[in-house]
């Protein structure tokens, strides 16, 4: 087993019910429920005294992002969110920054 396959196996055990919440993702004909980690007030810190932004975000397995782009809409805990930007860590996890407005 390679290190990459071990990491992906570990991700499967982390992205399970009980640790994650369901996010309904819609984009065109795609309508799917993804297991995500939701952070309502994720803060991107640039330095100890400087925060670039605070906004909702989700962590999702990168393998689940094939149909996610700026046209995607998520429903999480009854609220609607739009994709603002995506950041892959290249280790199998992608952070998706969300917006409450479609801009």
PDB file of N, CA and C in Angstrom:
ATOM      1  N   UNK A   1       0.843  -1.178   0.000  1.00  0.00           N
ATOM      2  CA  UNK A   1       0.000   0.000   0.000  1.00  0.00           C
ATOM      3  C   UNK A   1       0.890   1.244   0.000  1.00  0.00           C
ATOM      4  N   UNK A   2       0.554   2.195  -0.848  1.00  0.00           N
ATOM      5  CA  UNK A   2       1.328   3.428  -0.936  1.00  0.00           C
ATOM      6  C   UNK A   2       0.874   4.417   0.139  1.00  0.00           C
ATOM      7  N   UNK A   3       1.700   5.415   0.382  1.00  0.00           N
ATOM      8  CA  UNK A   3       1.333   6.443   1.352  1.00  0.00           C
ATOM      9  C   UNK A   3       0.065   7.162   0.902  1.00  0.00           C
ATOM     10  N   UNK A   4      -0.030   7.449  -0.397  1.00  0.00           N
ATOM     11  CA  UNK A   4      -1.217   8.140  -0.919  1.00  0.00           C
ATOM     12  C   UNK A   4      -2.477   7.327  -0.651  1.00  0.00           C
ATOM     13  N   UNK A   5      -2.444   6.022  -0.864  1.00  0.00           N
ATOM     14  CA  UNK A   5      -3.635   5.208  -0.627  1.00  0.00           C
ATOM     15  C   UNK A   5      -3.941   5.105   0.869  1.00  0.00           C
ATOM     16  N   UNK A   6      -2.912   5.118   1.718  1.00  0.00           N
ATOM     17  CA  UNK A   6      -3.143   5.116   3.167  1.00  0.00           C
ATOM     18  C   UNK A   6      -3.829   6.400   3.611  1.00  0.00           C
ATOM     19  N   UNK A   7      -3.396   7.534   3.049  1.00  0.00           N
ATOM     20  CA  UNK A   7      -4.014   8.823   3.384  1.00  0.00           C
ATOM     21  C   UNK A   7      -5.480   8.805   2.985  1.00  0.00           C
ATOM     22  N   UNK A   8      -5.781   8.319   1.784  1.00  0.00           N
ATOM     23  CA  UNK A   8      -7.169   8.285   1.321  1.00  0.00           C
ATOM     24  C   UNK A   8      -8.005   7.348   2.177  1.00  0.00           C
ATOM     25  N   UNK A   9      -7.441   6.212   2.596  1.00  0.00           N
ATOM     26  CA  UNK A   9      -8.165   5.311   3.493  1.00  0.00           C
ATOM     27  C   UNK A   9      -8.450   6.001   4.820  1.00  0.00           C
ATOM     28  N   UNK A  10      -7.482   6.736   5.334  1.00  0.00           N
ATOM     29  CA  UNK A  10      -7.672   7.464   6.577  1.00  0.00           C
ATOM     30  C   UNK A  10      -8.757   8.527   6.426  1.00  0.00           C
ATOM     31  N   UNK A  11      -8.799   9.198   5.278  1.00  0.00           N
ATOM     32  CA  UNK A  11      -9.827  10.215   5.039  1.00  0.00           C
ATOM     33  C   UNK A  11     -11.212   9.599   5.072  1.00  0.00           C
ATOM     34  N   UNK A  12     -11.353   8.398   4.506  1.00  0.00           N
ATOM     35  CA  UNK A  12     -12.656   7.731   4.530  1.00  0.00           C
ATOM     36  C   UNK A  12     -13.130   7.498   5.953  1.00  0.00           C
ATOM     37  N   UNK A  13     -12.204   7.182   6.842  1.00  0.00           N
ATOM     38  CA  UNK A  13     -12.602   6.947   8.234  1.00  0.00           C
ATOM     39  C   UNK A  13     -12.906   8.254   8.970  1.00  0.00           C
ATOM     40  N   UNK A  14     -12.327   9.357   8.539  1.00  0.00           N
ATOM     41  CA  UNK A  14     -12.578  10.651   9.169  1.00  0.00           C
ATOM     42  C   UNK A  14     -13.880  11.272   8.667  1.00  0.00           C
ATOM     43  N   UNK A  15     -14.135  11.170   7.362  1.00  0.00           N
ATOM     44  CA  UNK A  15     -15.340  11.756   6.772  1.00  0.00           C
ATOM     45  C   UNK A  15     -16.503  10.775   6.907  1.00  0.00           C
ATOM     46  N   UNK A  16     -16.931  10.536   8.129  1.00  0.00           N
ATOM     47  CA  UNK A  16     -18.021   9.612   8.402  1.00  0.00           C
ATOM     48  C   UNK A  16     -19.115  10.328   9.166  1.00  0.00           C
ATOM     49  N   UNK A  17     -20.297   9.719   9.156  1.00  0.00           N
ATOM     50  CA  UNK A  17     -21.407  10.263   9.929  1.00  0.00           C
ATOM     51  C   UNK A  17     -21.012  10.286  11.398  1.00  0.00           C
ATOM     52  N   UNK A  18     -21.420  11.302  12.081  1.00  0.00           N
ATOM     53  CA  UNK A  18     -21.067  11.468  13.486  1.00  0.00           C
ATOM     54  C   UNK A  18     -19.965  12.497  13.649  1.00  0.00           C
ATOM     55  N   UNK A  19     -19.027  12.528  12.716  1.00  0.00           N
ATOM     56  CA  UNK A  19     -17.970  13.535  12.739  1.00  0.00           C
ATOM     57  C   UNK A  19     -18.290  14.682  11.792  1.00  0.00           C
ATOM     58  N   UNK A  20     -19.032  14.393  10.748  1.00  0.00           N
ATOM     59  CA  UNK A  20     -19.338  15.381   9.716  1.00  0.00           C
ATOM     60  C   UNK A  20     -20.837  15.690   9.719  1.00  0.00           C
ATOM     61  N   UNK A  21     -21.202  16.672   8.903  1.00  0.00           N
ATOM     62  CA  UNK A  21     -22.619  16.940   8.677  1.00  0.00           C
ATOM     63  C   UNK A  21     -22.890  16.782   7.189  1.00  0.00           C
ATOM     64  N   UNK A  22     -24.156  16.655   6.836  1.00  0.00           N
ATOM     65  CA  UNK A  22     -24.539  16.543   5.435  1.00  0.00           C
ATOM     66  C   UNK A  22     -24.691  17.933   4.822  1.00  0.00           C
ATOM     67  N   UNK A  23     -24.154  18.072   3.620  1.00  0.00           N
ATOM     68  CA  UNK A  23     -24.328  19.293   2.834  1.00  0.00           C
ATOM     69  C   UNK A  23     -24.926  18.877   1.494  1.00  0.00           C
ATOM     70  N   UNK A  24     -26.054  19.466   1.154  1.00  0.00           N
ATOM     71  CA  UNK A  24     -26.672  19.173  -0.143  1.00  0.00           C
ATOM     72  C   UNK A  24     -26.041  20.104  -1.167  1.00  0.00           C
ATOM     73  N   UNK A  25     -25.469  19.507  -2.201  1.00  0.00           N
ATOM     74  CA  UNK A  25     -24.777  20.253  -3.253  1.00  0.00           C
ATOM     75  C   UNK A  25     -25.575  20.150  -4.542  1.00  0.00           C
ATOM     76  N   UNK A  26     -25.868  21.316  -5.151  1.00  0.00           N
ATOM     77  CA  UNK A  26     -26.575  21.368  -6.430  1.00  0.00           C
ATOM     78  C   UNK A  26     -25.764  22.210  -7.394  1.00  0.00           C
ATOM     79  N   UNK A  27     -25.579  21.671  -8.592  1.00  0.00           N
ATOM     80  CA  UNK A  27     -24.897  22.397  -9.670  1.00  0.00           C
ATOM     81  C   UNK A  27     -25.382  21.801 -10.978  1.00  0.00           C
ATOM     82  N   UNK A  28     -26.268  22.530 -11.671  1.00  0.00           N
ATOM     83  CA  UNK A  28     -26.840  22.003 -12.904  1.00  0.00           C
ATOM     84  C   UNK A  28     -27.622  20.732 -12.615  1.00  0.00           C
ATOM     85  N   UNK A  29     -27.289  19.645 -13.330  1.00  0.00           N
ATOM     86  CA  UNK A  29     -27.976  18.368 -13.144  1.00  0.00           C
ATOM     87  C   UNK A  29     -27.477  17.605 -11.924  1.00  0.00           C
ATOM     88  N   UNK A  30     -26.394  18.083 -11.311  1.00  0.00           N
ATOM     89  CA  UNK A  30     -25.841  17.407 -10.136  1.00  0.00           C
ATOM     90  C   UNK A  30     -26.612  17.796  -8.890  1.00  0.00           C
ATOM     91  N   UNK A  31     -27.063  16.796  -8.154  1.00  0.00           N
ATOM     92  CA  UNK A  31     -27.727  16.991  -6.871  1.00  0.00           C
ATOM     93  C   UNK A  31     -27.237  15.860  -5.980  1.00  0.00           C
ATOM     94  N   UNK A  32     -26.369  16.190  -5.014  1.00  0.00           N
ATOM     95  CA  UNK A  32     -25.745  15.147  -4.202  1.00  0.00           C
ATOM     96  C   UNK A  32     -25.614  15.617  -2.762  1.00  0.00           C
ATOM     97  N   UNK A  33     -25.525  14.664  -1.860  1.00  0.00           N
ATOM     98  CA  UNK A  33     -25.287  14.960  -0.455  1.00  0.00           C
ATOM     99  C   UNK A  33     -23.868  14.550  -0.125  1.00  0.00           C
ATOM    100  N   UNK A  34     -23.101  15.502   0.395  1.00  0.00           N
ATOM    101  CA  UNK A  34     -21.699  15.267   0.728  1.00  0.00           C
ATOM    102  C   UNK A  34     -21.505  15.330   2.239  1.00  0.00           C
ATOM    103  N   UNK A  35     -20.577  14.539   2.743  1.00  0.00           N
ATOM    104  CA  UNK A  35     -20.165  14.611   4.146  1.00  0.00           C
ATOM    105  C   UNK A  35     -19.089  15.685   4.242  1.00  0.00           C
ATOM    106  N   UNK A  36     -19.316  16.704   5.084  1.00  0.00           N
ATOM    107  CA  UNK A  36     -18.392  17.833   5.178  1.00  0.00           C
ATOM    108  C   UNK A  36     -18.165  18.213   6.634  1.00  0.00           C
ATOM    109  N   UNK A  37     -17.062  18.905   6.862  1.00  0.00           N
ATOM    110  CA  UNK A  37     -16.829  19.601   8.121  1.00  0.00           C
ATOM    111  C   UNK A  37     -17.183  21.060   7.861  1.00  0.00           C
ATOM    112  N   UNK A  38     -18.094  21.609   8.633  1.00  0.00           N
ATOM    113  CA  UNK A  38     -18.589  22.962   8.422  1.00  0.00           C
ATOM    114  C   UNK A  38     -18.036  23.889   9.501  1.00  0.00           C
ATOM    115  N   UNK A  39     -17.493  25.002   9.067  1.00  0.00           N
ATOM    116  CA  UNK A  39     -16.980  26.031   9.979  1.00  0.00           C
ATOM    117  C   UNK A  39     -17.705  27.326   9.641  1.00  0.00           C
ATOM    118  N   UNK A  40     -18.633  27.706  10.478  1.00  0.00           N
ATOM    119  CA  UNK A  40     -19.471  28.886  10.193  1.00  0.00           C
ATOM    120  C   UNK A  40     -18.667  30.184  10.168  1.00  0.00           C
ATOM    121  N   UNK A  41     -17.565  30.250  10.913  1.00  0.00           N
ATOM    122  CA  UNK A  41     -16.792  31.492  11.017  1.00  0.00           C
ATOM    123  C   UNK A  41     -15.305  31.243  10.810  1.00  0.00           C
ATOM    124  N   UNK A  42     -14.951  30.577   9.717  1.00  0.00           N
ATOM    125  CA  UNK A  42     -13.537  30.331   9.419  1.00  0.00           C
ATOM    126  C   UNK A  42     -12.824  31.664   9.220  1.00  0.00           C
ATOM    127  N   UNK A  43     -11.702  31.844   9.872  1.00  0.00           N
ATOM    128  CA  UNK A  43     -10.918  33.081   9.747  1.00  0.00           C
ATOM    129  C   UNK A  43      -9.576  32.758   9.120  1.00  0.00           C
ATOM    130  N   UNK A  44      -9.276  33.403   8.024  1.00  0.00           N
ATOM    131  CA  UNK A  44      -7.974  33.248   7.380  1.00  0.00           C
ATOM    132  C   UNK A  44      -7.041  34.283   7.993  1.00  0.00           C
ATOM    133  N   UNK A  45      -6.042  33.806   8.721  1.00  0.00           N
ATOM    134  CA  UNK A  45      -5.125  34.683   9.440  1.00  0.00           C
ATOM    135  C   UNK A  45      -3.867  34.899   8.611  1.00  0.00           C
ATOM    136  N   UNK A  46      -3.531  36.170   8.376  1.00  0.00           N
ATOM    137  CA  UNK A  46      -2.326  36.513   7.621  1.00  0.00           C
ATOM    138  C   UNK A  46      -1.135  36.730   8.538  1.00  0.00           C
ATOM    139  N   UNK A  47      -1.395  37.257   9.704  1.00  0.00           N
ATOM    140  CA  UNK A  47      -0.352  37.489  10.700  1.00  0.00           C
ATOM    141  C   UNK A  47      -1.046  37.522  12.060  1.00  0.00           C
ATOM    142  N   UNK A  48      -0.291  37.569  13.141  1.00  0.00           N
ATOM    143  CA  UNK A  48      -0.944  37.563  14.454  1.00  0.00           C
ATOM    144  C   UNK A  48      -1.960  38.685  14.657  1.00  0.00           C
ATOM    145  N   UNK A  49      -1.799  39.790  13.963  1.00  0.00           N
ATOM    146  CA  UNK A  49      -2.702  40.927  14.146  1.00  0.00           C
ATOM    147  C   UNK A  49      -3.585  41.216  12.940  1.00  0.00           C
ATOM    148  N   UNK A  50      -3.579  40.335  11.957  1.00  0.00           N
ATOM    149  CA  UNK A  50      -4.309  40.632  10.724  1.00  0.00           C
ATOM    150  C   UNK A  50      -5.105  39.426  10.255  1.00  0.00           C
ATOM    151  N   UNK A  51      -6.417  39.616  10.158  1.00  0.00           N
ATOM    152  CA  UNK A  51      -7.309  38.588   9.633  1.00  0.00           C
ATOM    153  C   UNK A  51      -7.795  39.063   8.277  1.00  0.00           C
ATOM    154  N   UNK A  52      -7.579  38.231   7.260  1.00  0.00           N
ATOM    155  CA  UNK A  52      -7.981  38.622   5.907  1.00  0.00           C
ATOM    156  C   UNK A  52      -9.495  38.569   5.743  1.00  0.00           C
ATOM    157  N   UNK A  53     -10.102  37.501   6.227  1.00  0.00           N
ATOM    158  CA  UNK A  53     -11.541  37.376   6.052  1.00  0.00           C
ATOM    159  C   UNK A  53     -12.106  36.387   7.058  1.00  0.00           C
ATOM    160  N   UNK A  54     -13.367  36.569   7.343  1.00  0.00           N
ATOM    161  CA  UNK A  54     -14.125  35.608   8.131  1.00  0.00           C
ATOM    162  C   UNK A  54     -15.349  35.262   7.317  1.00  0.00           C
ATOM    163  N   UNK A  55     -15.503  33.979   7.050  1.00  0.00           N
ATOM    164  CA  UNK A  55     -16.671  33.530   6.292  1.00  0.00           C
ATOM    165  C   UNK A  55     -16.869  32.054   6.525  1.00  0.00           C
ATOM    166  N   UNK A  56     -18.043  31.555   6.205  1.00  0.00           N
ATOM    167  CA  UNK A  56     -18.274  30.126   6.349  1.00  0.00           C
ATOM    168  C   UNK A  56     -17.390  29.339   5.374  1.00  0.00           C
ATOM    169  N   UNK A  57     -17.043  28.125   5.773  1.00  0.00           N
ATOM    170  CA  UNK A  57     -16.286  27.253   4.884  1.00  0.00           C
ATOM    171  C   UNK A  57     -16.602  25.804   5.206  1.00  0.00           C
ATOM    172  N   UNK A  58     -16.303  24.947   4.258  1.00  0.00           N
ATOM    173  CA  UNK A  58     -16.436  23.511   4.478  1.00  0.00           C
ATOM    174  C   UNK A  58     -15.144  22.832   4.053  1.00  0.00           C
ATOM    175  N   UNK A  59     -14.863  21.717   4.698  1.00  0.00           N
ATOM    176  CA  UNK A  59     -13.806  20.817   4.258  1.00  0.00           C
ATOM    177  C   UNK A  59     -14.488  19.609   3.665  1.00  0.00           C
ATOM    178  N   UNK A  60     -14.034  19.221   2.482  1.00  0.00           N
ATOM    179  CA  UNK A  60     -14.622  18.090   1.762  1.00  0.00           C
ATOM    180  C   UNK A  60     -13.485  17.270   1.162  1.00  0.00           C
ATOM    181  N   UNK A  61     -13.716  15.976   0.997  1.00  0.00           N
ATOM    182  CA  UNK A  61     -12.706  15.161   0.335  1.00  0.00           C
ATOM    183  C   UNK A  61     -12.554  15.654  -1.106  1.00  0.00           C
ATOM    184  N   UNK A  62     -11.328  15.833  -1.539  1.00  0.00           N
ATOM    185  CA  UNK A  62     -11.068  16.330  -2.892  1.00  0.00           C
ATOM    186  C   UNK A  62     -11.718  15.442  -3.945  1.00  0.00           C
ATOM    187  N   UNK A  63     -11.767  14.143  -3.706  1.00  0.00           N
ATOM    188  CA  UNK A  63     -12.390  13.237  -4.676  1.00  0.00           C
ATOM    189  C   UNK A  63     -13.879  13.519  -4.855  1.00  0.00           C
ATOM    190  N   UNK A  64     -14.493  14.251  -3.920  1.00  0.00           N
ATOM    191  CA  UNK A  64     -15.916  14.598  -4.014  1.00  0.00           C
ATOM    192  C   UNK A  64     -16.161  15.949  -4.667  1.00  0.00           C
ATOM    193  N   UNK A  65     -15.103  16.601  -5.184  1.00  0.00           N
ATOM    194  CA  UNK A  65     -15.258  17.961  -5.709  1.00  0.00           C
ATOM    195  C   UNK A  65     -15.389  18.036  -7.236  1.00  0.00           C
ATOM    196  N   UNK A  66     -15.534  16.919  -7.901  1.00  0.00           N
ATOM    197  CA  UNK A  66     -15.542  16.911  -9.368  1.00  0.00           C
ATOM    198  C   UNK A  66     -16.598  17.837  -9.969  1.00  0.00           C
ATOM    199  N   UNK A  67     -17.746  17.979  -9.315  1.00  0.00           N
ATOM    200  CA  UNK A  67     -18.841  18.790  -9.864  1.00  0.00           C
ATOM    201  C   UNK A  67     -19.012  20.120  -9.142  1.00  0.00           C
ATOM    202  N   UNK A  68     -18.044  20.476  -8.292  1.00  0.00           N
ATOM    203  CA  UNK A  68     -18.157  21.725  -7.535  1.00  0.00           C
ATOM    204  C   UNK A  68     -17.369  22.824  -8.235  1.00  0.00           C
ATOM    205  N   UNK A  69     -18.035  23.950  -8.464  1.00  0.00           N
ATOM    206  CA  UNK A  69     -17.380  25.127  -9.029  1.00  0.00           C
ATOM    207  C   UNK A  69     -18.140  26.359  -8.555  1.00  0.00           C
ATOM    208  N   UNK A  70     -17.850  27.508  -9.140  1.00  0.00           N
ATOM    209  CA  UNK A  70     -18.461  28.772  -8.692  1.00  0.00           C
ATOM    210  C   UNK A  70     -19.978  28.800  -8.894  1.00  0.00           C
ATOM    211  N   UNK A  71     -20.517  27.913  -9.727  1.00  0.00           N
ATOM    212  CA  UNK A  71     -21.969  27.869  -9.938  1.00  0.00           C
ATOM    213  C   UNK A  71     -22.677  26.978  -8.916  1.00  0.00           C
ATOM    214  N   UNK A  72     -21.919  26.334  -8.049  1.00  0.00           N
ATOM    215  CA  UNK A  72     -22.487  25.416  -7.069  1.00  0.00           C
ATOM    216  C   UNK A  72     -23.239  26.149  -5.959  1.00  0.00           C
ATOM    217  N   UNK A  73     -24.281  25.477  -5.468  1.00  0.00           N
ATOM    218  CA  UNK A  73     -25.060  25.976  -4.344  1.00  0.00           C
ATOM    219  C   UNK A  73     -25.117  24.857  -3.304  1.00  0.00           C
ATOM    220  N   UNK A  74     -24.871  25.218  -2.035  1.00  0.00           N
ATOM    221  CA  UNK A  74     -24.925  24.259  -0.937  1.00  0.00           C
ATOM    222  C   UNK A  74     -26.042  24.640   0.021  1.00  0.00           C
ATOM    223  N   UNK A  75     -26.719  23.634   0.544  1.00  0.00           N
ATOM    224  CA  UNK A  75     -27.646  23.835   1.651  1.00  0.00           C
ATOM    225  C   UNK A  75     -27.054  23.101   2.839  1.00  0.00           C
ATOM    226  N   UNK A  76     -26.757  23.878   3.894  1.00  0.00           N
ATOM    227  CA  UNK A  76     -26.119  23.333   5.088  1.00  0.00           C
ATOM    228  C   UNK A  76     -26.891  23.823   6.303  1.00  0.00           C
ATOM    229  N   UNK A  77     -27.379  22.891   7.090  1.00  0.00           N
ATOM    230  CA  UNK A  77     -28.145  23.232   8.297  1.00  0.00           C
ATOM    231  C   UNK A  77     -29.270  24.215   7.993  1.00  0.00           C
ATOM    232  N   UNK A  78     -29.914  24.030   6.833  1.00  0.00           N
ATOM    233  CA  UNK A  78     -31.059  24.844   6.450  1.00  0.00           C
ATOM    234  C   UNK A  78     -30.739  26.176   5.797  1.00  0.00           C
ATOM    235  N   UNK A  79     -29.461  26.532   5.695  1.00  0.00           N
ATOM    236  CA  UNK A  79     -29.068  27.807   5.080  1.00  0.00           C
ATOM    237  C   UNK A  79     -28.454  27.544   3.700  1.00  0.00           C
ATOM    238  N   UNK A  80     -28.577  28.522   2.811  1.00  0.00           N
ATOM    239  CA  UNK A  80     -28.048  28.419   1.458  1.00  0.00           C
ATOM    240  C   UNK A  80     -26.727  29.166   1.355  1.00  0.00           C
ATOM    241  N   UNK A  81     -25.742  28.515   0.726  1.00  0.00           N
ATOM    242  CA  UNK A  81     -24.413  29.099   0.551  1.00  0.00           C
ATOM    243  C   UNK A  81     -23.952  28.912  -0.890  1.00  0.00           C
ATOM    244  N   UNK A  82     -23.118  29.839  -1.340  1.00  0.00           N
ATOM    245  CA  UNK A  82     -22.541  29.822  -2.683  1.00  0.00           C
ATOM    246  C   UNK A  82     -21.019  29.714  -2.574  1.00  0.00           C
ATOM    247  N   UNK A  83     -20.399  29.167  -3.600  1.00  0.00           N
ATOM    248  CA  UNK A  83     -18.947  28.983  -3.583  1.00  0.00           C
ATOM    249  C   UNK A  83     -18.262  30.311  -3.870  1.00  0.00           C
ATOM    250  N   UNK A  84     -17.379  30.725  -2.975  1.00  0.00           N
ATOM    251  CA  UNK A  84     -16.577  31.933  -3.181  1.00  0.00           C
ATOM    252  C   UNK A  84     -15.209  31.567  -3.744  1.00  0.00           C
ATOM    253  N   UNK A  85     -14.590  30.513  -3.185  1.00  0.00           N
ATOM    254  CA  UNK A  85     -13.304  30.033  -3.694  1.00  0.00           C
ATOM    255  C   UNK A  85     -13.028  28.642  -3.150  1.00  0.00           C
ATOM    256  N   UNK A  86     -12.109  27.959  -3.799  1.00  0.00           N
ATOM    257  CA  UNK A  86     -11.728  26.606  -3.393  1.00  0.00           C
ATOM    258  C   UNK A  86     -10.223  26.539  -3.239  1.00  0.00           C
ATOM    259  N   UNK A  87      -9.768  25.829  -2.189  1.00  0.00           N
ATOM    260  CA  UNK A  87      -8.338  25.671  -1.920  1.00  0.00           C
ATOM    261  C   UNK A  87      -8.054  24.203  -1.621  1.00  0.00           C
ATOM    262  N   UNK A  88      -7.351  23.527  -2.519  1.00  0.00           N
ATOM    263  CA  UNK A  88      -6.978  22.140  -2.279  1.00  0.00           C
ATOM    264  C   UNK A  88      -5.667  22.094  -1.518  1.00  0.00           C
ATOM    265  N   UNK A  89      -5.564  21.149  -0.589  1.00  0.00           N
ATOM    266  CA  UNK A  89      -4.299  20.999   0.127  1.00  0.00           C
ATOM    267  C   UNK A  89      -3.398  19.966  -0.548  1.00  0.00           C
ATOM    268  N   UNK A  90      -3.861  19.375  -1.637  1.00  0.00           N
ATOM    269  CA  UNK A  90      -3.133  18.375  -2.411  1.00  0.00           C
ATOM    270  C   UNK A  90      -2.845  17.114  -1.604  1.00  0.00           C
ATOM    271  N   UNK A  91      -3.528  16.948  -0.492  1.00  0.00           N
ATOM    272  CA  UNK A  91      -3.398  15.740   0.331  1.00  0.00           C
ATOM    273  C   UNK A  91      -4.735  15.024   0.440  1.00  0.00           C
ATOM    274  N   UNK A  92      -5.684  15.431  -0.406  1.00  0.00           N
ATOM    275  CA  UNK A  92      -6.975  14.754  -0.403  1.00  0.00           C
ATOM    276  C   UNK A  92      -8.112  15.525   0.219  1.00  0.00           C
ATOM    277  N   UNK A  93      -7.843  16.760   0.680  1.00  0.00           N
ATOM    278  CA  UNK A  93      -8.880  17.579   1.296  1.00  0.00           C
ATOM    279  C   UNK A  93      -8.913  18.943   0.613  1.00  0.00           C
ATOM    280  N   UNK A  94     -10.114  19.454   0.396  1.00  0.00           N
ATOM    281  CA  UNK A  94     -10.290  20.776  -0.203  1.00  0.00           C
ATOM    282  C   UNK A  94     -11.130  21.638   0.727  1.00  0.00           C
ATOM    283  N   UNK A  95     -10.674  22.866   0.971  1.00  0.00           N
ATOM    284  CA  UNK A  95     -11.477  23.843   1.719  1.00  0.00           C
ATOM    285  C   UNK A  95     -12.240  24.666   0.695  1.00  0.00           C
ATOM    286  N   UNK A  96     -13.535  24.776   0.903  1.00  0.00           N
ATOM    287  CA  UNK A  96     -14.385  25.591   0.039  1.00  0.00           C
ATOM    288  C   UNK A  96     -14.898  26.751   0.881  1.00  0.00           C
ATOM    289  N   UNK A  97     -14.490  27.945   0.480  1.00  0.00           N
ATOM    290  CA  UNK A  97     -14.954  29.153   1.146  1.00  0.00           C
ATOM    291  C   UNK A  97     -16.333  29.465   0.586  1.00  0.00           C
ATOM    292  N   UNK A  98     -17.256  29.783   1.484  1.00  0.00           N
ATOM    293  CA  UNK A  98     -18.647  29.993   1.094  1.00  0.00           C
ATOM    294  C   UNK A  98     -19.057  31.451   1.288  1.00  0.00           C
ATOM    295  N   UNK A  99     -20.111  31.808   0.583  1.00  0.00           N
ATOM    296  CA  UNK A  99     -20.700  33.133   0.712  1.00  0.00           C
ATOM    297  C   UNK A  99     -22.204  32.966   0.877  1.00  0.00           C
ATOM    298  N   UNK A 100     -22.817  33.858   1.624  1.00  0.00           N
ATOM    299  CA  UNK A 100     -24.253  33.814   1.780  1.00  0.00           C
ATOM    300  C   UNK A 100     -24.980  34.529   0.650  1.00  0.00           C
ATOM    301  N   UNK A 101     -24.213  35.188  -0.227  1.00  0.00           N
ATOM    302  CA  UNK A 101     -24.795  35.860  -1.384  1.00  0.00           C
ATOM    303  C   UNK A 101     -24.168  35.305  -2.650  1.00  0.00           C
ATOM    304  N   UNK A 102     -24.932  35.303  -3.710  1.00  0.00           N
ATOM    305  CA  UNK A 102     -24.450  34.817  -5.003  1.00  0.00           C
ATOM    306  C   UNK A 102     -23.812  35.990  -5.738  1.00  0.00           C
ATOM    307  N   UNK A 103     -22.477  36.050  -5.688  1.00  0.00           N
ATOM    308  CA  UNK A 103     -21.809  37.174  -6.352  1.00  0.00           C
ATOM    309  C   UNK A 103     -20.687  36.722  -7.230  1.00  0.00           C
TER     310      UNK A 103
END
